[in-house]
């Protein structure tokens, strides 16, 4: 028996989406020089994760990391302005 096959793990769809969300938070935070926690709170404040990243996962995860990061940052800016959210 091939031992490497014995230990293979295939994450569920929910796990793959969660991993993608975490990578979006981390890359967006790094791009603008803030902590991942700060970026997460900004995203939660405007429902970006629930209303954008999750519903658009199938499209977003097929794009380059740079494109996704730029898209996320532009969307945050637009949604914050639209919702009147001010960042400290």
N, C-alpha and C. Protein backbone atom coordinates (compact mmCIF):
# COMPACT_ATOMS: atom_id res chain seq x y z
N UNK A 1 0.85 -1.18 0.00
CA UNK A 1 0.00 0.00 0.00
C UNK A 1 0.89 1.23 0.00
N UNK A 2 0.53 2.19 -0.80
CA UNK A 2 1.26 3.45 -0.87
C UNK A 2 0.93 4.28 0.38
N UNK A 3 1.93 4.50 1.23
CA UNK A 3 1.69 5.18 2.49
C UNK A 3 1.25 6.63 2.30
N UNK A 4 1.72 7.31 1.26
CA UNK A 4 1.31 8.70 1.07
C UNK A 4 -0.19 8.79 0.76
N UNK A 5 -0.74 7.80 0.09
CA UNK A 5 -2.17 7.78 -0.20
C UNK A 5 -2.99 7.57 1.08
N UNK A 6 -2.44 6.84 2.01
CA UNK A 6 -3.13 6.52 3.25
C UNK A 6 -3.46 7.77 4.05
N UNK A 7 -2.64 8.82 3.95
CA UNK A 7 -2.81 10.00 4.77
C UNK A 7 -3.33 11.22 4.00
N UNK A 8 -3.77 11.04 2.77
CA UNK A 8 -4.30 12.16 2.01
C UNK A 8 -5.57 12.68 2.64
N UNK A 9 -5.74 13.98 2.58
CA UNK A 9 -6.92 14.62 3.14
C UNK A 9 -7.46 15.61 2.12
N UNK A 10 -8.73 15.55 1.89
CA UNK A 10 -9.37 16.47 0.96
C UNK A 10 -10.34 17.34 1.76
N UNK A 11 -10.03 18.64 1.87
CA UNK A 11 -10.91 19.50 2.66
C UNK A 11 -12.29 19.63 2.02
N UNK A 12 -13.28 19.83 2.86
CA UNK A 12 -14.65 20.03 2.38
C UNK A 12 -14.76 21.39 1.71
N UNK A 13 -15.84 21.63 1.03
CA UNK A 13 -16.09 22.92 0.38
C UNK A 13 -16.07 24.05 1.42
N UNK A 14 -16.71 23.85 2.56
CA UNK A 14 -16.71 24.87 3.61
C UNK A 14 -15.30 25.16 4.10
N UNK A 15 -14.48 24.13 4.23
CA UNK A 15 -13.10 24.33 4.66
C UNK A 15 -12.30 25.09 3.61
N UNK A 16 -12.51 24.76 2.34
CA UNK A 16 -11.81 25.47 1.26
C UNK A 16 -12.20 26.95 1.24
N UNK A 17 -13.48 27.22 1.44
CA UNK A 17 -13.95 28.61 1.47
C UNK A 17 -13.35 29.34 2.67
N UNK A 18 -13.31 28.70 3.82
CA UNK A 18 -12.73 29.31 5.02
C UNK A 18 -11.25 29.62 4.82
N UNK A 19 -10.53 28.72 4.21
CA UNK A 19 -9.11 28.94 3.92
C UNK A 19 -8.95 30.11 2.95
N UNK A 20 -9.81 30.18 1.95
CA UNK A 20 -9.76 31.28 0.99
C UNK A 20 -10.05 32.62 1.66
N UNK A 21 -11.06 32.65 2.52
CA UNK A 21 -11.39 33.88 3.25
C UNK A 21 -10.20 34.34 4.07
N UNK A 22 -9.57 33.41 4.78
CA UNK A 22 -8.40 33.76 5.59
C UNK A 22 -7.28 34.33 4.72
N UNK A 23 -7.07 33.74 3.55
CA UNK A 23 -6.01 34.24 2.69
C UNK A 23 -6.36 35.61 2.12
N UNK A 24 -7.64 35.87 1.87
CA UNK A 24 -8.07 37.20 1.41
C UNK A 24 -7.81 38.24 2.49
N UNK A 25 -8.16 37.91 3.71
CA UNK A 25 -7.94 38.83 4.83
C UNK A 25 -6.46 39.13 4.98
N UNK A 26 -5.65 38.09 4.99
CA UNK A 26 -4.22 38.26 5.19
C UNK A 26 -3.56 39.04 4.05
N UNK A 27 -3.91 38.74 2.81
CA UNK A 27 -3.26 39.44 1.70
C UNK A 27 -3.72 40.89 1.60
N UNK A 28 -4.99 41.17 1.87
CA UNK A 28 -5.47 42.55 1.84
C UNK A 28 -4.82 43.35 2.97
N UNK A 29 -4.71 42.76 4.14
CA UNK A 29 -4.08 43.42 5.28
C UNK A 29 -2.62 43.74 4.97
N UNK A 30 -1.92 42.77 4.44
CA UNK A 30 -0.50 42.96 4.12
C UNK A 30 -0.33 44.05 3.06
N UNK A 31 -1.22 44.09 2.09
CA UNK A 31 -1.11 45.06 0.99
C UNK A 31 -1.20 46.50 1.48
N UNK A 32 -1.95 46.74 2.54
CA UNK A 32 -2.09 48.12 3.03
C UNK A 32 -1.42 48.33 4.38
N UNK A 33 -0.71 47.33 4.86
CA UNK A 33 0.09 47.46 6.08
C UNK A 33 -0.70 47.54 7.37
N UNK A 34 -1.78 46.75 7.45
CA UNK A 34 -2.54 46.68 8.71
C UNK A 34 -2.55 45.24 9.19
N UNK A 35 -3.00 45.04 10.42
CA UNK A 35 -3.07 43.68 10.95
C UNK A 35 -4.23 42.92 10.32
N UNK A 36 -4.10 41.60 10.23
CA UNK A 36 -5.23 40.80 9.74
C UNK A 36 -6.49 41.00 10.59
N UNK A 37 -6.32 41.20 11.89
CA UNK A 37 -7.47 41.42 12.77
C UNK A 37 -8.20 42.70 12.38
N UNK A 38 -7.43 43.74 12.11
CA UNK A 38 -8.01 45.02 11.69
C UNK A 38 -8.76 44.88 10.37
N UNK A 39 -8.15 44.17 9.43
CA UNK A 39 -8.80 43.96 8.13
C UNK A 39 -10.07 43.15 8.29
N UNK A 40 -10.01 42.12 9.11
CA UNK A 40 -11.20 41.29 9.36
C UNK A 40 -12.34 42.15 9.90
N UNK A 41 -12.04 43.02 10.87
CA UNK A 41 -13.08 43.86 11.45
C UNK A 41 -13.68 44.82 10.42
N UNK A 42 -12.84 45.35 9.53
CA UNK A 42 -13.36 46.21 8.46
C UNK A 42 -14.31 45.43 7.56
N UNK A 43 -13.92 44.21 7.20
CA UNK A 43 -14.75 43.39 6.33
C UNK A 43 -16.08 43.03 7.00
N UNK A 44 -16.02 42.70 8.27
CA UNK A 44 -17.24 42.33 9.01
C UNK A 44 -18.18 43.52 9.12
N UNK A 45 -17.62 44.70 9.34
CA UNK A 45 -18.41 45.91 9.53
C UNK A 45 -19.31 46.20 8.31
N UNK A 46 -18.85 45.83 7.12
CA UNK A 46 -19.63 46.08 5.90
C UNK A 46 -20.18 44.78 5.28
N UNK A 47 -20.08 43.69 6.02
CA UNK A 47 -20.57 42.37 5.57
C UNK A 47 -19.90 41.88 4.28
N UNK A 48 -18.65 42.24 4.08
CA UNK A 48 -17.96 41.87 2.84
C UNK A 48 -17.77 40.36 2.71
N UNK A 49 -17.49 39.70 3.81
CA UNK A 49 -17.26 38.26 3.75
C UNK A 49 -18.55 37.55 3.38
N UNK A 50 -19.60 37.85 4.10
CA UNK A 50 -20.89 37.17 3.91
C UNK A 50 -21.57 37.56 2.59
N UNK A 51 -21.46 38.83 2.21
CA UNK A 51 -22.20 39.32 1.05
C UNK A 51 -21.38 39.41 -0.23
N UNK A 52 -20.07 39.18 -0.16
CA UNK A 52 -19.25 39.27 -1.37
C UNK A 52 -18.31 38.09 -1.55
N UNK A 53 -17.44 37.87 -0.57
CA UNK A 53 -16.43 36.82 -0.77
C UNK A 53 -17.06 35.44 -0.87
N UNK A 54 -17.96 35.11 0.03
CA UNK A 54 -18.58 33.77 -0.02
C UNK A 54 -19.43 33.59 -1.28
N UNK A 55 -20.35 34.52 -1.59
CA UNK A 55 -21.16 34.31 -2.80
C UNK A 55 -20.34 34.29 -4.10
N UNK A 56 -19.21 35.01 -4.12
CA UNK A 56 -18.38 35.09 -5.33
C UNK A 56 -17.17 34.16 -5.29
N UNK A 57 -17.14 33.26 -4.33
CA UNK A 57 -15.99 32.37 -4.15
C UNK A 57 -15.60 31.65 -5.43
N UNK A 58 -16.58 31.08 -6.13
CA UNK A 58 -16.25 30.29 -7.33
C UNK A 58 -15.51 31.11 -8.39
N UNK A 59 -15.82 32.37 -8.50
CA UNK A 59 -15.12 33.23 -9.45
C UNK A 59 -13.80 33.73 -8.86
N UNK A 60 -13.87 34.25 -7.63
CA UNK A 60 -12.69 34.85 -7.02
C UNK A 60 -11.53 33.88 -6.85
N UNK A 61 -11.81 32.66 -6.43
CA UNK A 61 -10.69 31.75 -6.13
C UNK A 61 -9.96 31.29 -7.38
N UNK A 62 -10.53 31.55 -8.55
CA UNK A 62 -9.85 31.17 -9.78
C UNK A 62 -8.97 32.29 -10.33
N UNK A 63 -9.02 33.46 -9.69
CA UNK A 63 -8.21 34.61 -10.11
C UNK A 63 -6.84 34.59 -9.42
N UNK A 64 -5.93 35.41 -9.91
CA UNK A 64 -4.61 35.50 -9.28
C UNK A 64 -4.75 36.16 -7.91
N UNK A 65 -3.81 35.87 -7.05
CA UNK A 65 -3.81 36.44 -5.70
C UNK A 65 -3.76 37.96 -5.78
N UNK A 66 -2.94 38.51 -6.67
CA UNK A 66 -2.84 39.97 -6.81
C UNK A 66 -4.17 40.57 -7.25
N UNK A 67 -4.82 39.96 -8.21
CA UNK A 67 -6.10 40.48 -8.69
C UNK A 67 -7.16 40.42 -7.60
N UNK A 68 -7.22 39.32 -6.88
CA UNK A 68 -8.20 39.18 -5.79
C UNK A 68 -7.95 40.24 -4.72
N UNK A 69 -6.69 40.44 -4.36
CA UNK A 69 -6.35 41.43 -3.34
C UNK A 69 -6.77 42.82 -3.79
N UNK A 70 -6.44 43.19 -5.01
CA UNK A 70 -6.82 44.49 -5.54
C UNK A 70 -8.34 44.64 -5.58
N UNK A 71 -9.03 43.60 -6.00
CA UNK A 71 -10.48 43.62 -6.07
C UNK A 71 -11.11 43.79 -4.68
N UNK A 72 -10.60 43.05 -3.73
CA UNK A 72 -11.11 43.14 -2.35
C UNK A 72 -10.91 44.56 -1.81
N UNK A 73 -9.72 45.12 -2.00
CA UNK A 73 -9.45 46.46 -1.48
C UNK A 73 -10.33 47.52 -2.14
N UNK A 74 -10.55 47.41 -3.46
CA UNK A 74 -11.44 48.35 -4.15
C UNK A 74 -12.87 48.21 -3.64
N UNK A 75 -13.30 46.98 -3.46
CA UNK A 75 -14.66 46.72 -2.99
C UNK A 75 -14.85 47.25 -1.57
N UNK A 76 -13.87 47.05 -0.72
CA UNK A 76 -13.96 47.59 0.65
C UNK A 76 -14.14 49.10 0.59
N UNK A 77 -13.32 49.76 -0.21
CA UNK A 77 -13.38 51.22 -0.31
C UNK A 77 -14.77 51.68 -0.80
N UNK A 78 -15.28 51.04 -1.83
CA UNK A 78 -16.60 51.40 -2.38
C UNK A 78 -17.70 51.15 -1.36
N UNK A 79 -17.68 49.98 -0.73
CA UNK A 79 -18.74 49.63 0.22
C UNK A 79 -18.70 50.50 1.47
N UNK A 80 -17.49 50.81 1.95
CA UNK A 80 -17.40 51.68 3.12
C UNK A 80 -17.96 53.07 2.81
N UNK A 81 -17.62 53.61 1.65
CA UNK A 81 -18.15 54.92 1.27
C UNK A 81 -19.67 54.88 1.11
N UNK A 82 -20.14 53.83 0.47
CA UNK A 82 -21.58 53.67 0.23
C UNK A 82 -22.35 53.56 1.56
N UNK A 83 -21.77 52.88 2.53
CA UNK A 83 -22.43 52.65 3.82
C UNK A 83 -22.06 53.72 4.86
N UNK A 84 -21.22 54.68 4.47
CA UNK A 84 -20.83 55.74 5.39
C UNK A 84 -19.96 55.28 6.54
N UNK A 85 -19.18 54.25 6.31
CA UNK A 85 -18.31 53.71 7.36
C UNK A 85 -16.99 54.48 7.35
N UNK A 86 -16.58 54.95 8.51
CA UNK A 86 -15.32 55.66 8.66
C UNK A 86 -14.35 54.77 9.40
N UNK A 87 -13.13 54.67 8.87
CA UNK A 87 -12.09 53.85 9.52
C UNK A 87 -11.21 54.70 10.39
N UNK A 88 -10.85 54.14 11.52
CA UNK A 88 -9.96 54.84 12.45
C UNK A 88 -8.52 54.58 12.11
